Amino acid sequence: MNRICSSAIVCGLLVLGGLAEAQSADPLPSPLRVEDVLGLARDRRAEIVAARAGIRAAAQRPAIASALEDPMISPSIDHLPFMLEGADVSMTIEQRFPLSGLRTHRRQAAEAGVDRARAETTRATLDVSLEAVNAFFMLHERRQSAGVLDEQLILARQVVSAANAR
């Protein structure tokens, strides 16, 4: 039964998904509570960390998408005489300004992408929380079952010794 209990503990820790270095540096609280498990899962799971990074990246996208195009600088040499005296050179600077609401629409689409990234992060957080709580209660159930089984074994030994004594 100890093997089942230890495998349940290992399973619970794997579901939590914390890094080995982080777990050794920051030990688990002694009476492990559901709130502790949820906090550890939300802080250490790679899916949530990646989703938060995705939100930070998506938050930069509206400013990039709605920016003006880069200006174009076009130098040119129209006439180049043989001795390079009296060369005819010119330079053109061009900046495009869209007259339609194209930049506004691009910004709105990028902001919708930020909202989508936030929703995905919320979904990932809820999924991880559900997995962590399930693992916690499975571990709690295994521990309670181990205690009941130990009591049943003691009672069975007492019944056998009483039967042998008769």
C-alpha atoms as a PDB file:
ATOM      1  CA  MET A   1       0.000   0.000   0.000  1.00  0.00           C
ATOM      2  CA  ASN A   2       2.949   2.309   0.597  1.00  0.00           C
ATOM      3  CA  ARG A   3       3.883   1.831  -3.040  1.00  0.00           C
ATOM      4  CA  ILE A   4       0.418   3.038  -4.109  1.00  0.00           C
ATOM      5  CA  CYS A   5       0.648   6.045  -1.823  1.00  0.00           C
ATOM      6  CA  SER A   6       4.114   6.993  -3.083  1.00  0.00           C
ATOM      7  CA  SER A   7       3.034   6.560  -6.708  1.00  0.00           C
ATOM      8  CA  ALA A   8       0.050   8.811  -6.034  1.00  0.00           C
ATOM      9  CA  ILE A   9       2.387  11.438  -4.614  1.00  0.00           C
ATOM     10  CA  VAL A  10       4.625  11.216  -7.673  1.00  0.00           C
ATOM     11  CA  CYS A  11       1.578  11.449  -9.935  1.00  0.00           C
ATOM     12  CA  GLY A  12       0.372  14.501  -8.057  1.00  0.00           C
ATOM     13  CA  LEU A  13       3.723  16.225  -8.363  1.00  0.00           C
ATOM     14  CA  LEU A  14       3.924  15.430 -12.067  1.00  0.00           C
ATOM     15  CA  VAL A  15       0.498  16.912 -12.638  1.00  0.00           C
ATOM     16  CA  LEU A  16       1.544  20.041 -10.810  1.00  0.00           C
ATOM     17  CA  GLY A  17       4.398  20.271 -13.323  1.00  0.00           C
ATOM     18  CA  GLY A  18       6.829  22.339 -11.257  1.00  0.00           C
ATOM     19  CA  LEU A  19      10.493  22.385 -12.113  1.00  0.00           C
ATOM     20  CA  ALA A  20      12.785  20.205 -10.028  1.00  0.00           C
ATOM     21  CA  GLU A  21      15.061  23.110  -9.133  1.00  0.00           C
ATOM     22  CA  ALA A  22      12.127  25.292  -8.132  1.00  0.00           C
ATOM     23  CA  GLN A  23      10.667  22.545  -5.980  1.00  0.00           C
ATOM     24  CA  SER A  24      13.950  21.849  -4.197  1.00  0.00           C
ATOM     25  CA  ALA A  25      14.558  25.569  -3.625  1.00  0.00           C
ATOM     26  CA  ASP A  26      10.977  26.222  -2.516  1.00  0.00           C
ATOM     27  CA  PRO A  27       9.633  23.253  -0.523  1.00  0.00           C
ATOM     28  CA  LEU A  28       5.949  22.458  -0.438  1.00  0.00           C
ATOM     29  CA  PRO A  29       3.975  23.681   2.577  1.00  0.00           C
ATOM     30  CA  SER A  30       3.691  21.086   5.319  1.00  0.00           C
ATOM     31  CA  PRO A  31      -0.097  20.838   5.524  1.00  0.00           C
ATOM     32  CA  LEU A  32      -0.697  21.018   1.785  1.00  0.00           C
ATOM     33  CA  ARG A  33      -4.020  22.729   1.105  1.00  0.00           C
ATOM     34  CA  VAL A  34      -6.028  23.104  -2.093  1.00  0.00           C
ATOM     35  CA  GLU A  35      -5.227  26.826  -2.202  1.00  0.00           C
ATOM     36  CA  ASP A  36      -1.499  26.038  -2.049  1.00  0.00           C
ATOM     37  CA  VAL A  37      -1.819  23.530  -4.881  1.00  0.00           C
ATOM     38  CA  LEU A  38      -3.729  26.032  -7.025  1.00  0.00           C
ATOM     39  CA  GLY A  39      -1.163  28.749  -6.369  1.00  0.00           C
ATOM     40  CA  LEU A  40       1.743  26.465  -7.230  1.00  0.00           C
ATOM     41  CA  ALA A  41       0.055  25.269 -10.394  1.00  0.00           C
ATOM     42  CA  ARG A  42      -0.753  28.803 -11.560  1.00  0.00           C
ATOM     43  CA  ASP A  43       2.785  30.018 -10.898  1.00  0.00           C
ATOM     44  CA  ARG A  44       4.819  27.093 -12.230  1.00  0.00           C
ATOM     45  CA  ARG A  45       2.970  25.445 -15.119  1.00  0.00           C
ATOM     46  CA  ALA A  46       4.611  26.044 -18.475  1.00  0.00           C
ATOM     47  CA  GLU A  47       1.282  26.436 -20.305  1.00  0.00           C
ATOM     48  CA  ILE A  48       0.317  29.388 -18.155  1.00  0.00           C
ATOM     49  CA  VAL A  49       3.744  31.008 -18.348  1.00  0.00           C
ATOM     50  CA  ALA A  50       3.685  30.667 -22.147  1.00  0.00           C
ATOM     51  CA  ALA A  51       0.145  32.048 -22.363  1.00  0.00           C
ATOM     52  CA  ARG A  52       1.125  35.073 -20.274  1.00  0.00           C
ATOM     53  CA  ALA A  53       4.086  35.693 -22.567  1.00  0.00           C
ATOM     54  CA  GLY A  54       1.679  35.451 -25.514  1.00  0.00           C
ATOM     55  CA  ILE A  55      -0.484  38.164 -23.962  1.00  0.00           C
ATOM     56  CA  ARG A  56       2.527  40.435 -23.523  1.00  0.00           C
ATOM     57  CA  ALA A  57       3.523  39.870 -27.155  1.00  0.00           C
ATOM     58  CA  ALA A  58      -0.020  40.382 -28.452  1.00  0.00           C
ATOM     59  CA  ALA A  59      -0.344  43.617 -26.469  1.00  0.00           C
ATOM     60  CA  GLN A  60       2.462  45.111 -28.588  1.00  0.00           C
ATOM     61  CA  ARG A  61       0.787  44.147 -31.866  1.00  0.00           C
ATOM     62  CA  PRO A  62      -1.863  46.965 -32.098  1.00  0.00           C
ATOM     63  CA  ALA A  63       0.800  49.681 -32.093  1.00  0.00           C
ATOM     64  CA  ILE A  64       2.796  47.832 -34.732  1.00  0.00           C
ATOM     65  CA  ALA A  65      -0.186  47.036 -36.964  1.00  0.00           C
ATOM     66  CA  SER A  66      -1.574  50.581 -36.968  1.00  0.00           C
ATOM     67  CA  ALA A  67       1.709  52.389 -37.512  1.00  0.00           C
ATOM     68  CA  LEU A  68       2.410  54.357 -40.651  1.00  0.00           C
ATOM     69  CA  GLU A  69       4.549  52.763 -43.305  1.00  0.00           C
ATOM     70  CA  ASP A  70       8.226  53.642 -43.224  1.00  0.00           C
ATOM     71  CA  PRO A  71       9.171  56.641 -45.371  1.00  0.00           C
ATOM     72  CA  MET A  72      10.958  55.925 -48.633  1.00  0.00           C
ATOM     73  CA  ILE A  73      14.100  57.831 -49.580  1.00  0.00           C
ATOM     74  CA  SER A  74      15.094  57.510 -53.221  1.00  0.00           C
ATOM     75  CA  PRO A  75      18.336  59.140 -54.356  1.00  0.00           C
ATOM     76  CA  SER A  76      18.936  59.268 -58.106  1.00  0.00           C
ATOM     77  CA  ILE A  77      21.534  60.464 -60.565  1.00  0.00           C
ATOM     78  CA  ASP A  78      19.802  61.700 -63.693  1.00  0.00           C
ATOM     79  CA  HIS A  79      22.858  62.700 -65.713  1.00  0.00           C
ATOM     80  CA  LEU A  80      26.463  61.761 -65.030  1.00  0.00           C
ATOM     81  CA  PRO A  81      29.004  63.398 -67.355  1.00  0.00           C
ATOM     82  CA  PHE A  82      32.294  61.742 -68.151  1.00  0.00           C
ATOM     83  CA  MET A  83      34.418  64.031 -65.974  1.00  0.00           C
ATOM     84  CA  LEU A  84      31.808  64.124 -63.131  1.00  0.00           C
ATOM     85  CA  GLU A  85      31.434  67.904 -63.445  1.00  0.00           C
ATOM     86  CA  GLY A  86      27.873  69.173 -63.439  1.00  0.00           C
ATOM     87  CA  ALA A  87      26.203  65.918 -62.353  1.00  0.00           C
ATOM     88  CA  ASP A  88      22.423  66.127 -62.117  1.00  0.00           C
ATOM     89  CA  VAL A  89      21.334  64.436 -58.840  1.00  0.00           C
ATOM     90  CA  SER A  90      18.067  64.442 -56.958  1.00  0.00           C
ATOM     91  CA  MET A  91      16.515  62.896 -53.850  1.00  0.00           C
ATOM     92  CA  THR A  92      12.874  62.019 -53.270  1.00  0.00           C
ATOM     93  CA  ILE A  93      11.276  61.405 -49.880  1.00  0.00           C
ATOM     94  CA  GLU A  94       7.917  59.650 -49.909  1.00  0.00           C
ATOM     95  CA  GLN A  95       5.553  59.003 -47.002  1.00  0.00           C
ATOM     96  CA  ARG A  96       2.234  57.232 -47.511  1.00  0.00           C
ATOM     97  CA  PHE A  97      -0.811  58.273 -45.508  1.00  0.00           C
ATOM     98  CA  PRO A  98      -3.801  55.972 -45.924  1.00  0.00           C
ATOM     99  CA  LEU A  99      -7.012  57.948 -46.372  1.00  0.00           C
ATOM    100  CA  SER A 100      -9.355  55.110 -45.478  1.00  0.00           C
ATOM    101  CA  GLY A 101      -9.785  53.612 -42.015  1.00  0.00           C
ATOM    102  CA  LEU A 102      -7.258  50.888 -42.797  1.00  0.00           C
ATOM    103  CA  ARG A 103      -4.997  51.677 -39.853  1.00  0.00           C
ATOM    104  CA  THR A 104      -7.979  51.783 -37.490  1.00  0.00           C
ATOM    105  CA  HIS A 105      -9.198  48.420 -38.754  1.00  0.00           C
ATOM    106  CA  ARG A 106      -5.752  46.921 -38.343  1.00  0.00           C
ATOM    107  CA  ARG A 107      -5.565  48.236 -34.777  1.00  0.00           C
ATOM    108  CA  GLN A 108      -9.005  46.823 -33.964  1.00  0.00           C
ATOM    109  CA  ALA A 109      -8.054  43.419 -35.393  1.00  0.00           C
ATOM    110  CA  ALA A 110      -4.857  43.396 -33.324  1.00  0.00           C
ATOM    111  CA  GLU A 111      -6.802  44.380 -30.185  1.00  0.00           C
ATOM    112  CA  ALA A 112      -9.187  41.488 -30.865  1.00  0.00           C
ATOM    113  CA  GLY A 113      -6.097  39.265 -31.026  1.00  0.00           C
ATOM    114  CA  VAL A 114      -5.106  40.513 -27.562  1.00  0.00           C
ATOM    115  CA  ASP A 115      -8.568  39.637 -26.253  1.00  0.00           C
ATOM    116  CA  ARG A 116      -8.259  36.178 -27.812  1.00  0.00           C
ATOM    117  CA  ALA A 117      -4.869  35.670 -26.133  1.00  0.00           C
ATOM    118  CA  ARG A 118      -6.358  36.711 -22.784  1.00  0.00           C
ATOM    119  CA  ALA A 119      -9.220  34.244 -23.236  1.00  0.00           C
ATOM    120  CA  GLU A 120      -6.783  31.451 -24.094  1.00  0.00           C
ATOM    121  CA  THR A 121      -4.772  32.265 -20.981  1.00  0.00           C
ATOM    122  CA  THR A 122      -7.912  32.126 -18.866  1.00  0.00           C
ATOM    123  CA  ARG A 123      -8.839  28.775 -20.406  1.00  0.00           C
ATOM    124  CA  ALA A 124      -5.343  27.399 -19.797  1.00  0.00           C
ATOM    125  CA  THR A 125      -5.435  28.641 -16.194  1.00  0.00           C
ATOM    126  CA  LEU A 126      -8.787  26.966 -15.590  1.00  0.00           C
ATOM    127  CA  ASP A 127      -7.600  23.708 -17.178  1.00  0.00           C
ATOM    128  CA  VAL A 128      -4.438  23.673 -15.067  1.00  0.00           C
ATOM    129  CA  SER A 129      -6.422  24.503 -11.931  1.00  0.00           C
ATOM    130  CA  LEU A 130      -8.814  21.634 -12.606  1.00  0.00           C
ATOM    131  CA  GLU A 131      -5.940  19.187 -13.161  1.00  0.00           C
ATOM    132  CA  ALA A 132      -4.197  20.334  -9.974  1.00  0.00           C
ATOM    133  CA  VAL A 133      -7.337  20.059  -7.848  1.00  0.00           C
ATOM    134  CA  ASN A 134      -8.091  16.596  -9.291  1.00  0.00           C
ATOM    135  CA  ALA A 135      -4.565  15.459  -8.489  1.00  0.00           C
ATOM    136  CA  PHE A 136      -4.790  16.899  -4.975  1.00  0.00           C
ATOM    137  CA  PHE A 137      -8.037  15.107  -4.190  1.00  0.00           C
ATOM    138  CA  MET A 138      -6.806  11.853  -5.745  1.00  0.00           C
ATOM    139  CA  LEU A 139      -3.782  12.046  -3.473  1.00  0.00           C
ATOM    140  CA  HIS A 140      -5.986  12.834  -0.467  1.00  0.00           C
ATOM    141  CA  GLU A 141      -8.230   9.871  -1.309  1.00  0.00           C
ATOM    142  CA  ARG A 142      -5.221   7.558  -1.598  1.00  0.00           C
ATOM    143  CA  ARG A 143      -3.914   8.684   1.765  1.00  0.00           C
ATOM    144  CA  GLN A 144      -7.294   8.122   3.414  1.00  0.00           C
ATOM    145  CA  SER A 145      -7.599   4.704   1.749  1.00  0.00           C
ATOM    146  CA  ALA A 146      -4.152   3.746   3.019  1.00  0.00           C
ATOM    147  CA  GLY A 147      -5.168   4.610   6.578  1.00  0.00           C
ATOM    148  CA  VAL A 148      -8.360   2.568   6.318  1.00  0.00           C
ATOM    149  CA  LEU A 149      -6.462  -0.367   4.826  1.00  0.00           C
ATOM    150  CA  ASP A 150      -3.899  -0.265   7.641  1.00  0.00           C
ATOM    151  CA  GLU A 151      -6.713  -0.344  10.223  1.00  0.00           C
ATOM    152  CA  GLN A 152      -8.339  -3.275   8.408  1.00  0.00           C
ATOM    153  CA  LEU A 153      -5.045  -5.192   8.386  1.00  0.00           C
ATOM    154  CA  ILE A 154      -4.611  -4.644  12.131  1.00  0.00           C
ATOM    155  CA  LEU A 155      -8.188  -5.818  12.745  1.00  0.00           C
ATOM    156  CA  ALA A 156      -7.688  -8.886  10.529  1.00  0.00           C
ATOM    157  CA  ARG A 157      -4.508  -9.811  12.445  1.00  0.00           C
ATOM    158  CA  GLN A 158      -6.358  -9.468  15.723  1.00  0.00           C
ATOM    159  CA  VAL A 159      -9.151 -11.725  14.437  1.00  0.00           C
ATOM    160  CA  VAL A 160      -6.609 -14.328  13.276  1.00  0.00           C
ATOM    161  CA  SER A 161      -4.744 -14.248  16.593  1.00  0.00           C
ATOM    162  CA  ALA A 162      -8.068 -14.548  18.488  1.00  0.00           C
ATOM    163  CA  ALA A 163      -9.091 -17.503  16.314  1.00  0.00           C
ATOM    164  CA  ASN A 164      -5.706 -19.179  16.865  1.00  0.00           C
ATOM    165  CA  ALA A 165      -5.982 -18.652  20.611  1.00  0.00           C
ATOM    166  CA  ARG A 166      -9.286 -20.636  20.723  1.00  0.00           C
END
